[in-house]
Amino acid sequence: CFECFTRLRILILCFNEIHKIEGLDELVNLERLELGFNLIKRIEGLRALTALQVLELNNNLIYRLEDVGVLKKHVPTLVELNLHNNAVCEVKSYRAHVLRR
């Protein structure tokens, strides 16, 4: 899908009714990924994005705190994460869990 765009550094896919993060493995130089206002339930499909620094997932359907923990392991370069207006933000230990990262 994105094989021709391996040098891409910023990808904005907001408001596209995306249900799942997938098909981004070729974008190894991607530094910023904006996926706000979609229908994403799980944080996945980001392992190959070794240069990713900013991830916008605001206004989706993310509800699992465990998914946030996966980011620390698979996307260690991440410095900015936006999960605003997701169900996961309502979990009591959410803030402490993310900040421990």
PDB file of N, CA and C in Angstrom:
ATOM      1  N   CYS A   1       0.812  -1.191   0.000  1.00  0.00           N
ATOM      2  CA  CYS A   1       0.000   0.000   0.000  1.00  0.00           C
ATOM      3  C   CYS A   1       0.865   1.269   0.000  1.00  0.00           C
ATOM      4  N   PHE A   2       1.803   1.357   0.946  1.00  0.00           N
ATOM      5  CA  PHE A   2       2.639   2.552   1.059  1.00  0.00           C
ATOM      6  C   PHE A   2       4.084   2.303   0.610  1.00  0.00           C
ATOM      7  N   GLU A   3       4.353   1.231  -0.161  1.00  0.00           N
ATOM      8  CA  GLU A   3       5.712   0.872  -0.557  1.00  0.00           C
ATOM      9  C   GLU A   3       6.438   2.017  -1.252  1.00  0.00           C
ATOM     10  N   CYS A   4       5.723   2.820  -2.009  1.00  0.00           N
ATOM     11  CA  CYS A   4       6.330   3.920  -2.772  1.00  0.00           C
ATOM     12  C   CYS A   4       6.653   5.134  -1.901  1.00  0.00           C
ATOM     13  N   PHE A   5       6.236   5.106  -0.650  1.00  0.00           N
ATOM     14  CA  PHE A   5       6.387   6.272   0.213  1.00  0.00           C
ATOM     15  C   PHE A   5       7.313   6.012   1.396  1.00  0.00           C
ATOM     16  N   THR A   6       8.363   5.253   1.196  1.00  0.00           N
ATOM     17  CA  THR A   6       9.234   4.876   2.308  1.00  0.00           C
ATOM     18  C   THR A   6       9.944   6.070   2.946  1.00  0.00           C
ATOM     19  N   ARG A   7      10.048   7.188   2.272  1.00  0.00           N
ATOM     20  CA  ARG A   7      10.709   8.376   2.814  1.00  0.00           C
ATOM     21  C   ARG A   7       9.729   9.310   3.525  1.00  0.00           C
ATOM     22  N   LEU A   8       8.470   8.952   3.532  1.00  0.00           N
ATOM     23  CA  LEU A   8       7.426   9.770   4.142  1.00  0.00           C
ATOM     24  C   LEU A   8       7.713   9.986   5.622  1.00  0.00           C
ATOM     25  N   ARG A   9       7.600  11.237   6.085  1.00  0.00           N
ATOM     26  CA  ARG A   9       7.882  11.554   7.487  1.00  0.00           C
ATOM     27  C   ARG A   9       6.619  11.901   8.278  1.00  0.00           C
ATOM     28  N   ILE A  10       5.590  12.406   7.598  1.00  0.00           N
ATOM     29  CA  ILE A  10       4.346  12.791   8.256  1.00  0.00           C
ATOM     30  C   ILE A  10       3.181  12.197   7.474  1.00  0.00           C
ATOM     31  N   LEU A  11       2.257  11.553   8.209  1.00  0.00           N
ATOM     32  CA  LEU A  11       1.081  10.967   7.580  1.00  0.00           C
ATOM     33  C   LEU A  11      -0.148  11.345   8.396  1.00  0.00           C
ATOM     34  N   ILE A  12      -1.097  12.014   7.753  1.00  0.00           N
ATOM     35  CA  ILE A  12      -2.321  12.454   8.415  1.00  0.00           C
ATOM     36  C   ILE A  12      -3.498  11.714   7.802  1.00  0.00           C
ATOM     37  N   LEU A  13      -4.161  10.905   8.623  1.00  0.00           N
ATOM     38  CA  LEU A  13      -5.299  10.099   8.170  1.00  0.00           C
ATOM     39  C   LEU A  13      -6.507  10.294   9.088  1.00  0.00           C
ATOM     40  N   CYS A  14      -6.713  11.492   9.553  1.00  0.00           N
ATOM     41  CA  CYS A  14      -7.843  11.806  10.430  1.00  0.00           C
ATOM     42  C   CYS A  14      -9.149  11.777   9.648  1.00  0.00           C
ATOM     43  N   PHE A  15     -10.246  11.465  10.337  1.00  0.00           N
ATOM     44  CA  PHE A  15     -11.595  11.476   9.762  1.00  0.00           C
ATOM     45  C   PHE A  15     -11.737  10.544   8.554  1.00  0.00           C
ATOM     46  N   ASN A  16     -11.239   9.309   8.675  1.00  0.00           N
ATOM     47  CA  ASN A  16     -11.315   8.357   7.561  1.00  0.00           C
ATOM     48  C   ASN A  16     -12.036   7.058   7.911  1.00  0.00           C
ATOM     49  N   GLU A  17     -12.673   6.995   9.062  1.00  0.00           N
ATOM     50  CA  GLU A  17     -13.386   5.794   9.506  1.00  0.00           C
ATOM     51  C   GLU A  17     -12.493   4.550   9.520  1.00  0.00           C
ATOM     52  N   ILE A  18     -11.232   4.745   9.873  1.00  0.00           N
ATOM     53  CA  ILE A  18     -10.271   3.639   9.977  1.00  0.00           C
ATOM     54  C   ILE A  18     -10.589   2.830  11.225  1.00  0.00           C
ATOM     55  N   HIS A  19     -10.643   1.510  11.093  1.00  0.00           N
ATOM     56  CA  HIS A  19     -10.960   0.619  12.213  1.00  0.00           C
ATOM     57  C   HIS A  19      -9.715  -0.013  12.816  1.00  0.00           C
ATOM     58  N   LYS A  20      -8.655  -0.121  12.039  1.00  0.00           N
ATOM     59  CA  LYS A  20      -7.471  -0.843  12.488  1.00  0.00           C
ATOM     60  C   LYS A  20      -6.214  -0.191  11.909  1.00  0.00           C
ATOM     61  N   ILE A  21      -5.168  -0.109  12.731  1.00  0.00           N
ATOM     62  CA  ILE A  21      -3.888   0.417  12.254  1.00  0.00           C
ATOM     63  C   ILE A  21      -3.151  -0.732  11.594  1.00  0.00           C
ATOM     64  N   GLU A  22      -2.955  -0.617  10.282  1.00  0.00           N
ATOM     65  CA  GLU A  22      -2.288  -1.691   9.547  1.00  0.00           C
ATOM     66  C   GLU A  22      -1.716  -1.161   8.232  1.00  0.00           C
ATOM     67  N   GLY A  23      -0.797  -1.934   7.651  1.00  0.00           N
ATOM     68  CA  GLY A  23      -0.244  -1.600   6.349  1.00  0.00           C
ATOM     69  C   GLY A  23       0.786  -0.490   6.352  1.00  0.00           C
ATOM     70  N   LEU A  24       1.359  -0.196   7.504  1.00  0.00           N
ATOM     71  CA  LEU A  24       2.321   0.901   7.601  1.00  0.00           C
ATOM     72  C   LEU A  24       3.770   0.426   7.709  1.00  0.00           C
ATOM     73  N   ASP A  25       3.999  -0.862   7.608  1.00  0.00           N
ATOM     74  CA  ASP A  25       5.330  -1.441   7.833  1.00  0.00           C
ATOM     75  C   ASP A  25       6.440  -0.847   6.972  1.00  0.00           C
ATOM     76  N   GLU A  26       6.119  -0.378   5.795  1.00  0.00           N
ATOM     77  CA  GLU A  26       7.134   0.173   4.889  1.00  0.00           C
ATOM     78  C   GLU A  26       7.546   1.594   5.246  1.00  0.00           C
ATOM     79  N   LEU A  27       6.812   2.236   6.124  1.00  0.00           N
ATOM     80  CA  LEU A  27       7.056   3.644   6.444  1.00  0.00           C
ATOM     81  C   LEU A  27       8.050   3.796   7.595  1.00  0.00           C
ATOM     82  N   VAL A  28       9.241   3.277   7.413  1.00  0.00           N
ATOM     83  CA  VAL A  28      10.245   3.240   8.479  1.00  0.00           C
ATOM     84  C   VAL A  28      10.778   4.617   8.855  1.00  0.00           C
ATOM     85  N   ASN A  29      10.582   5.623   8.029  1.00  0.00           N
ATOM     86  CA  ASN A  29      11.037   6.978   8.333  1.00  0.00           C
ATOM     87  C   ASN A  29       9.944   7.873   8.895  1.00  0.00           C
ATOM     88  N   LEU A  30       8.765   7.303   9.110  1.00  0.00           N
ATOM     89  CA  LEU A  30       7.630   8.079   9.608  1.00  0.00           C
ATOM     90  C   LEU A  30       7.911   8.602  11.010  1.00  0.00           C
ATOM     91  N   GLU A  31       7.775   9.914  11.190  1.00  0.00           N
ATOM     92  CA  GLU A  31       8.023  10.549  12.480  1.00  0.00           C
ATOM     93  C   GLU A  31       6.729  10.990  13.159  1.00  0.00           C
ATOM     94  N   ARG A  32       5.712  11.266  12.362  1.00  0.00           N
ATOM     95  CA  ARG A  32       4.436  11.749  12.911  1.00  0.00           C
ATOM     96  C   ARG A  32       3.287  11.023  12.220  1.00  0.00           C
ATOM     97  N   LEU A  33       2.385  10.467  13.028  1.00  0.00           N
ATOM     98  CA  LEU A  33       1.224   9.758  12.508  1.00  0.00           C
ATOM     99  C   LEU A  33      -0.021  10.288  13.207  1.00  0.00           C
ATOM    100  N   GLU A  34      -0.932  10.856  12.431  1.00  0.00           N
ATOM    101  CA  GLU A  34      -2.160  11.419  12.974  1.00  0.00           C
ATOM    102  C   GLU A  34      -3.342  10.568  12.524  1.00  0.00           C
ATOM    103  N   LEU A  35      -4.001   9.942  13.495  1.00  0.00           N
ATOM    104  CA  LEU A  35      -5.129   9.054  13.228  1.00  0.00           C
ATOM    105  C   LEU A  35      -6.353   9.438  14.058  1.00  0.00           C
ATOM    106  N   GLY A  36      -6.463  10.689  14.395  1.00  0.00           N
ATOM    107  CA  GLY A  36      -7.580  11.162  15.201  1.00  0.00           C
ATOM    108  C   GLY A  36      -8.908  11.064  14.480  1.00  0.00           C
ATOM    109  N   PHE A  37      -9.979  10.968  15.264  1.00  0.00           N
ATOM    110  CA  PHE A  37     -11.349  10.938  14.753  1.00  0.00           C
ATOM    111  C   PHE A  37     -11.584   9.786  13.777  1.00  0.00           C
ATOM    112  N   ASN A  38     -11.185   8.590  14.194  1.00  0.00           N
ATOM    113  CA  ASN A  38     -11.435   7.377  13.436  1.00  0.00           C
ATOM    114  C   ASN A  38     -12.208   6.406  14.323  1.00  0.00           C
ATOM    115  N   LEU A  39     -12.168   5.136  14.013  1.00  0.00           N
ATOM    116  CA  LEU A  39     -12.903   4.113  14.767  1.00  0.00           C
ATOM    117  C   LEU A  39     -11.956   3.048  15.309  1.00  0.00           C
ATOM    118  N   ILE A  40     -10.746   3.447  15.658  1.00  0.00           N
ATOM    119  CA  ILE A  40      -9.697   2.532  16.107  1.00  0.00           C
ATOM    120  C   ILE A  40      -9.957   2.105  17.551  1.00  0.00           C
ATOM    121  N   LYS A  41      -9.909   0.793  17.795  1.00  0.00           N
ATOM    122  CA  LYS A  41     -10.136   0.248  19.137  1.00  0.00           C
ATOM    123  C   LYS A  41      -8.852  -0.219  19.807  1.00  0.00           C
ATOM    124  N   ARG A  42      -7.860  -0.594  19.026  1.00  0.00           N
ATOM    125  CA  ARG A  42      -6.613  -1.152  19.572  1.00  0.00           C
ATOM    126  C   ARG A  42      -5.414  -0.397  19.025  1.00  0.00           C
ATOM    127  N   ILE A  43      -4.378  -0.266  19.845  1.00  0.00           N
ATOM    128  CA  ILE A  43      -3.123   0.326  19.385  1.00  0.00           C
ATOM    129  C   ILE A  43      -2.247  -0.837  18.945  1.00  0.00           C
ATOM    130  N   GLU A  44      -2.095  -0.984  17.639  1.00  0.00           N
ATOM    131  CA  GLU A  44      -1.337  -2.088  17.062  1.00  0.00           C
ATOM    132  C   GLU A  44      -0.824  -1.669  15.691  1.00  0.00           C
ATOM    133  N   GLY A  45       0.015  -2.503  15.093  1.00  0.00           N
ATOM    134  CA  GLY A  45       0.494  -2.234  13.745  1.00  0.00           C
ATOM    135  C   GLY A  45       1.541  -1.145  13.655  1.00  0.00           C
ATOM    136  N   LEU A  46       2.230  -0.881  14.761  1.00  0.00           N
ATOM    137  CA  LEU A  46       3.210   0.205  14.780  1.00  0.00           C
ATOM    138  C   LEU A  46       4.654  -0.273  14.952  1.00  0.00           C
ATOM    139  N   ARG A  47       4.870  -1.550  15.091  1.00  0.00           N
ATOM    140  CA  ARG A  47       6.202  -2.097  15.368  1.00  0.00           C
ATOM    141  C   ARG A  47       7.297  -1.639  14.414  1.00  0.00           C
ATOM    142  N   ALA A  48       6.987  -1.565  13.148  1.00  0.00           N
ATOM    143  CA  ALA A  48       7.995  -1.220  12.137  1.00  0.00           C
ATOM    144  C   ALA A  48       8.308   0.272  12.100  1.00  0.00           C
ATOM    145  N   LEU A  49       7.539   1.074  12.794  1.00  0.00           N
ATOM    146  CA  LEU A  49       7.715   2.528  12.751  1.00  0.00           C
ATOM    147  C   LEU A  49       8.765   2.959  13.771  1.00  0.00           C
ATOM    148  N   THR A  50      10.002   2.629  13.487  1.00  0.00           N
ATOM    149  CA  THR A  50      11.114   2.831  14.424  1.00  0.00           C
ATOM    150  C   THR A  50      11.528   4.292  14.590  1.00  0.00           C
ATOM    151  N   ALA A  51      11.040   5.182  13.739  1.00  0.00           N
ATOM    152  CA  ALA A  51      11.378   6.603  13.850  1.00  0.00           C
ATOM    153  C   ALA A  51      10.209   7.434  14.398  1.00  0.00           C
ATOM    154  N   LEU A  52       9.094   6.783  14.717  1.00  0.00           N
ATOM    155  CA  LEU A  52       7.882   7.490  15.140  1.00  0.00           C
ATOM    156  C   LEU A  52       8.104   8.251  16.442  1.00  0.00           C
ATOM    157  N   GLN A  53       7.811   9.543  16.416  1.00  0.00           N
ATOM    158  CA  GLN A  53       7.966  10.394  17.589  1.00  0.00           C
ATOM    159  C   GLN A  53       6.636  10.933  18.100  1.00  0.00           C
ATOM    160  N   VAL A  54       5.692  11.171  17.191  1.00  0.00           N
ATOM    161  CA  VAL A  54       4.402  11.755  17.562  1.00  0.00           C
ATOM    162  C   VAL A  54       3.282  10.858  17.047  1.00  0.00           C
ATOM    163  N   LEU A  55       2.372  10.500  17.952  1.00  0.00           N
ATOM    164  CA  LEU A  55       1.239   9.654  17.593  1.00  0.00           C
ATOM    165  C   LEU A  55      -0.043  10.299  18.109  1.00  0.00           C
ATOM    166  N   GLU A  56      -0.924  10.646  17.194  1.00  0.00           N
ATOM    167  CA  GLU A  56      -2.205  11.264  17.527  1.00  0.00           C
ATOM    168  C   GLU A  56      -3.303  10.219  17.332  1.00  0.00           C
ATOM    169  N   LEU A  57      -3.928   9.819  18.422  1.00  0.00           N
ATOM    170  CA  LEU A  57      -5.022   8.844  18.376  1.00  0.00           C
ATOM    171  C   LEU A  57      -6.258   9.377  19.083  1.00  0.00           C
ATOM    172  N   ASN A  58      -6.361  10.679  19.171  1.00  0.00           N
ATOM    173  CA  ASN A  58      -7.493  11.288  19.865  1.00  0.00           C
ATOM    174  C   ASN A  58      -8.816  10.975  19.169  1.00  0.00           C
ATOM    175  N   ASN A  59      -9.878  10.932  19.968  1.00  0.00           N
ATOM    176  CA  ASN A  59     -11.235  10.726  19.467  1.00  0.00           C
ATOM    177  C   ASN A  59     -11.392   9.433  18.665  1.00  0.00           C
ATOM    178  N   ASN A  60     -10.947   8.340  19.255  1.00  0.00           N
ATOM    179  CA  ASN A  60     -11.140   7.010  18.699  1.00  0.00           C
ATOM    180  C   ASN A  60     -11.907   6.181  19.726  1.00  0.00           C
ATOM    181  N   LEU A  61     -11.790   4.875  19.660  1.00  0.00           N
ATOM    182  CA  LEU A  61     -12.517   3.976  20.556  1.00  0.00           C
ATOM    183  C   LEU A  61     -11.568   3.123  21.399  1.00  0.00           C
ATOM    184  N   ILE A  62     -10.396   3.636  21.696  1.00  0.00           N
ATOM    185  CA  ILE A  62      -9.372   2.881  22.424  1.00  0.00           C
ATOM    186  C   ILE A  62      -9.787   2.759  23.893  1.00  0.00           C
ATOM    187  N   TYR A  63      -9.794   1.535  24.389  1.00  0.00           N
ATOM    188  CA  TYR A  63     -10.284   1.303  25.755  1.00  0.00           C
ATOM    189  C   TYR A  63      -9.339   0.467  26.612  1.00  0.00           C
ATOM    190  N   ARG A  64      -8.313  -0.151  26.032  1.00  0.00           N
ATOM    191  CA  ARG A  64      -7.429  -1.048  26.789  1.00  0.00           C
ATOM    192  C   ARG A  64      -6.154  -0.340  27.248  1.00  0.00           C
ATOM    193  N   LEU A  65      -5.945  -0.304  28.545  1.00  0.00           N
ATOM    194  CA  LEU A  65      -4.745   0.290  29.112  1.00  0.00           C
ATOM    195  C   LEU A  65      -3.495  -0.483  28.685  1.00  0.00           C
ATOM    196  N   GLU A  66      -3.640  -1.787  28.458  1.00  0.00           N
ATOM    197  CA  GLU A  66      -2.515  -2.625  28.040  1.00  0.00           C
ATOM    198  C   GLU A  66      -1.943  -2.153  26.699  1.00  0.00           C
ATOM    199  N   ASP A  67      -2.793  -1.624  25.840  1.00  0.00           N
ATOM    200  CA  ASP A  67      -2.337  -1.144  24.540  1.00  0.00           C
ATOM    201  C   ASP A  67      -1.361   0.018  24.680  1.00  0.00           C
ATOM    202  N   VAL A  68      -1.576   0.850  25.672  1.00  0.00           N
ATOM    203  CA  VAL A  68      -0.677   1.974  25.915  1.00  0.00           C
ATOM    204  C   VAL A  68       0.690   1.447  26.342  1.00  0.00           C
ATOM    205  N   GLY A  69       0.711   0.392  27.150  1.00  0.00           N
ATOM    206  CA  GLY A  69       1.968  -0.223  27.584  1.00  0.00           C
ATOM    207  C   GLY A  69       2.770  -0.804  26.440  1.00  0.00           C
ATOM    208  N   VAL A  70       2.097  -1.292  25.437  1.00  0.00           N
ATOM    209  CA  VAL A  70       2.770  -1.868  24.267  1.00  0.00           C
ATOM    210  C   VAL A  70       3.601  -0.807  23.546  1.00  0.00           C
ATOM    211  N   LEU A  71       3.146   0.416  23.580  1.00  0.00           N
ATOM    212  CA  LEU A  71       3.877   1.494  22.910  1.00  0.00           C
ATOM    213  C   LEU A  71       5.284   1.642  23.454  1.00  0.00           C
ATOM    214  N   LYS A  72       5.428   1.542  24.748  1.00  0.00           N
ATOM    215  CA  LYS A  72       6.744   1.679  25.378  1.00  0.00           C
ATOM    216  C   LYS A  72       7.717   0.640  24.827  1.00  0.00           C
ATOM    217  N   LYS A  73       7.226  -0.556  24.643  1.00  0.00           N
ATOM    218  CA  LYS A  73       8.066  -1.657  24.172  1.00  0.00           C
ATOM    219  C   LYS A  73       8.355  -1.569  22.673  1.00  0.00           C
ATOM    220  N   HIS A  74       7.344  -1.294  21.870  1.00  0.00           N
ATOM    221  CA  HIS A  74       7.480  -1.372  20.421  1.00  0.00           C
ATOM    222  C   HIS A  74       7.785  -0.049  19.727  1.00  0.00           C
ATOM    223  N   VAL A  75       7.545   1.076  20.391  1.00  0.00           N
ATOM    224  CA  VAL A  75       7.818   2.385  19.787  1.00  0.00           C
ATOM    225  C   VAL A  75       8.583   3.247  20.808  1.00  0.00           C
ATOM    226  N   PRO A  76       9.828   2.870  21.113  1.00  0.00           N
ATOM    227  CA  PRO A  76      10.591   3.575  22.148  1.00  0.00           C
ATOM    228  C   PRO A  76      10.957   5.014  21.780  1.00  0.00           C
ATOM    229  N   THR A  77      10.872   5.377  20.522  1.00  0.00           N
ATOM    230  CA  THR A  77      11.211   6.735  20.078  1.00  0.00           C
ATOM    231  C   THR A  77      10.079   7.729  20.298  1.00  0.00           C
ATOM    232  N   LEU A  78       8.901   7.237  20.694  1.00  0.00           N
ATOM    233  CA  LEU A  78       7.721   8.077  20.867  1.00  0.00           C
ATOM    234  C   LEU A  78       7.922   9.092  21.989  1.00  0.00           C
ATOM    235  N   VAL A  79       7.695  10.369  21.693  1.00  0.00           N
ATOM    236  CA  VAL A  79       7.826  11.419  22.708  1.00  0.00           C
ATOM    237  C   VAL A  79       6.518  12.157  22.948  1.00  0.00           C
ATOM    238  N   GLU A  80       5.568  12.013  22.021  1.00  0.00           N
ATOM    239  CA  GLU A  80       4.280  12.691  22.170  1.00  0.00           C
ATOM    240  C   GLU A  80       3.149  11.742  21.777  1.00  0.00           C
ATOM    241  N   LEU A  81       2.186  11.601  22.685  1.00  0.00           N
ATOM    242  CA  LEU A  81       1.055  10.708  22.473  1.00  0.00           C
ATOM    243  C   LEU A  81      -0.225  11.436  22.856  1.00  0.00           C
ATOM    244  N   ASN A  82      -1.193  11.459  21.938  1.00  0.00           N
ATOM    245  CA  ASN A  82      -2.476  12.090  22.212  1.00  0.00           C
ATOM    246  C   ASN A  82      -3.570  11.029  22.154  1.00  0.00           C
ATOM    247  N   LEU A  83      -4.160  10.744  23.303  1.00  0.00           N
ATOM    248  CA  LEU A  83      -5.264   9.783  23.407  1.00  0.00           C
ATOM    249  C   LEU A  83      -6.539  10.462  23.887  1.00  0.00           C
ATOM    250  N   HIS A  84      -6.579  11.758  23.822  1.00  0.00           N
ATOM    251  CA  HIS A  84      -7.718  12.543  24.301  1.00  0.00           C
ATOM    252  C   HIS A  84      -9.036  12.019  23.722  1.00  0.00           C
ATOM    253  N   ASN A  85     -10.060  11.964  24.558  1.00  0.00           N
ATOM    254  CA  ASN A  85     -11.406  11.517  24.168  1.00  0.00           C
ATOM    255  C   ASN A  85     -11.466  10.061  23.710  1.00  0.00           C
ATOM    256  N   ASN A  86     -10.743   9.203  24.408  1.00  0.00           N
ATOM    257  CA  ASN A  86     -10.837   7.756  24.239  1.00  0.00           C
ATOM    258  C   ASN A  86     -11.291   7.185  25.574  1.00  0.00           C
ATOM    259  N   ALA A  87     -11.954   6.047  25.549  1.00  0.00           N
ATOM    260  CA  ALA A  87     -12.429   5.413  26.780  1.00  0.00           C
ATOM    261  C   ALA A  87     -11.284   5.096  27.744  1.00  0.00           C
ATOM    262  N   VAL A  88     -10.105   4.802  27.230  1.00  0.00           N
ATOM    263  CA  VAL A  88      -8.964   4.464  28.079  1.00  0.00           C
ATOM    264  C   VAL A  88      -8.616   5.617  29.029  1.00  0.00           C
ATOM    265  N   CYS A  89      -8.921   6.822  28.653  1.00  0.00           N
ATOM    266  CA  CYS A  89      -8.617   7.988  29.491  1.00  0.00           C
ATOM    267  C   CYS A  89      -9.454   8.030  30.762  1.00  0.00           C
ATOM    268  N   GLU A  90     -10.541   7.268  30.795  1.00  0.00           N
ATOM    269  CA  GLU A  90     -11.421   7.234  31.962  1.00  0.00           C
ATOM    270  C   GLU A  90     -10.956   6.245  33.028  1.00  0.00           C
ATOM    271  N   VAL A  91      -9.993   5.389  32.702  1.00  0.00           N
ATOM    272  CA  VAL A  91      -9.453   4.416  33.651  1.00  0.00           C
ATOM    273  C   VAL A  91      -8.704   5.176  34.743  1.00  0.00           C
ATOM    274  N   LYS A  92      -8.958   4.820  36.011  1.00  0.00           N
ATOM    275  CA  LYS A  92      -8.365   5.549  37.141  1.00  0.00           C
ATOM    276  C   LYS A  92      -6.846   5.657  37.070  1.00  0.00           C
ATOM    277  N   SER A  93      -6.170   4.576  36.746  1.00  0.00           N
ATOM    278  CA  SER A  93      -4.706   4.574  36.750  1.00  0.00           C
ATOM    279  C   SER A  93      -4.101   5.012  35.417  1.00  0.00           C
ATOM    280  N   TYR A  94      -4.920   5.481  34.509  1.00  0.00           N
ATOM    281  CA  TYR A  94      -4.459   5.850  33.168  1.00  0.00           C
ATOM    282  C   TYR A  94      -3.293   6.839  33.186  1.00  0.00           C
ATOM    283  N   ARG A  95      -3.482   7.943  33.874  1.00  0.00           N
ATOM    284  CA  ARG A  95      -2.460   9.001  33.877  1.00  0.00           C
ATOM    285  C   ARG A  95      -1.134   8.509  34.445  1.00  0.00           C
ATOM    286  N   ALA A  96      -1.177   7.824  35.559  1.00  0.00           N
ATOM    287  CA  ALA A  96       0.038   7.305  36.181  1.00  0.00           C
ATOM    288  C   ALA A  96       0.703   6.273  35.267  1.00  0.00           C
ATOM    289  N   HIS A  97      -0.089   5.447  34.633  1.00  0.00           N
ATOM    290  CA  HIS A  97       0.437   4.425  33.726  1.00  0.00           C
ATOM    291  C   HIS A  97       1.183   5.049  32.546  1.00  0.00           C
ATOM    292  N   VAL A  98       0.600   6.073  31.948  1.00  0.00           N
ATOM    293  CA  VAL A  98       1.215   6.730  30.802  1.00  0.00           C
ATOM    294  C   VAL A  98       2.459   7.504  31.230  1.00  0.00           C
ATOM    295  N   LEU A  99       2.395   8.194  32.339  1.00  0.00           N
ATOM    296  CA  LEU A  99       3.523   9.000  32.796  1.00  0.00           C
ATOM    297  C   LEU A  99       4.708   8.151  33.237  1.00  0.00           C
ATOM    298  N   ARG A 100       4.439   6.942  33.712  1.00  0.00           N
ATOM    299  CA  ARG A 100       5.527   6.029  34.084  1.00  0.00           C
ATOM    300  C   ARG A 100       6.381   5.654  32.900  1.00  0.00           C
ATOM    301  N   ARG A 101       5.798   5.713  31.762  1.00  0.00           N
ATOM    302  CA  ARG A 101       6.452   5.382  30.514  1.00  0.00           C
ATOM    303  C   ARG A 101       7.727   6.149  30.408  1.00  0.00           C
TER     304      ARG A 101
END
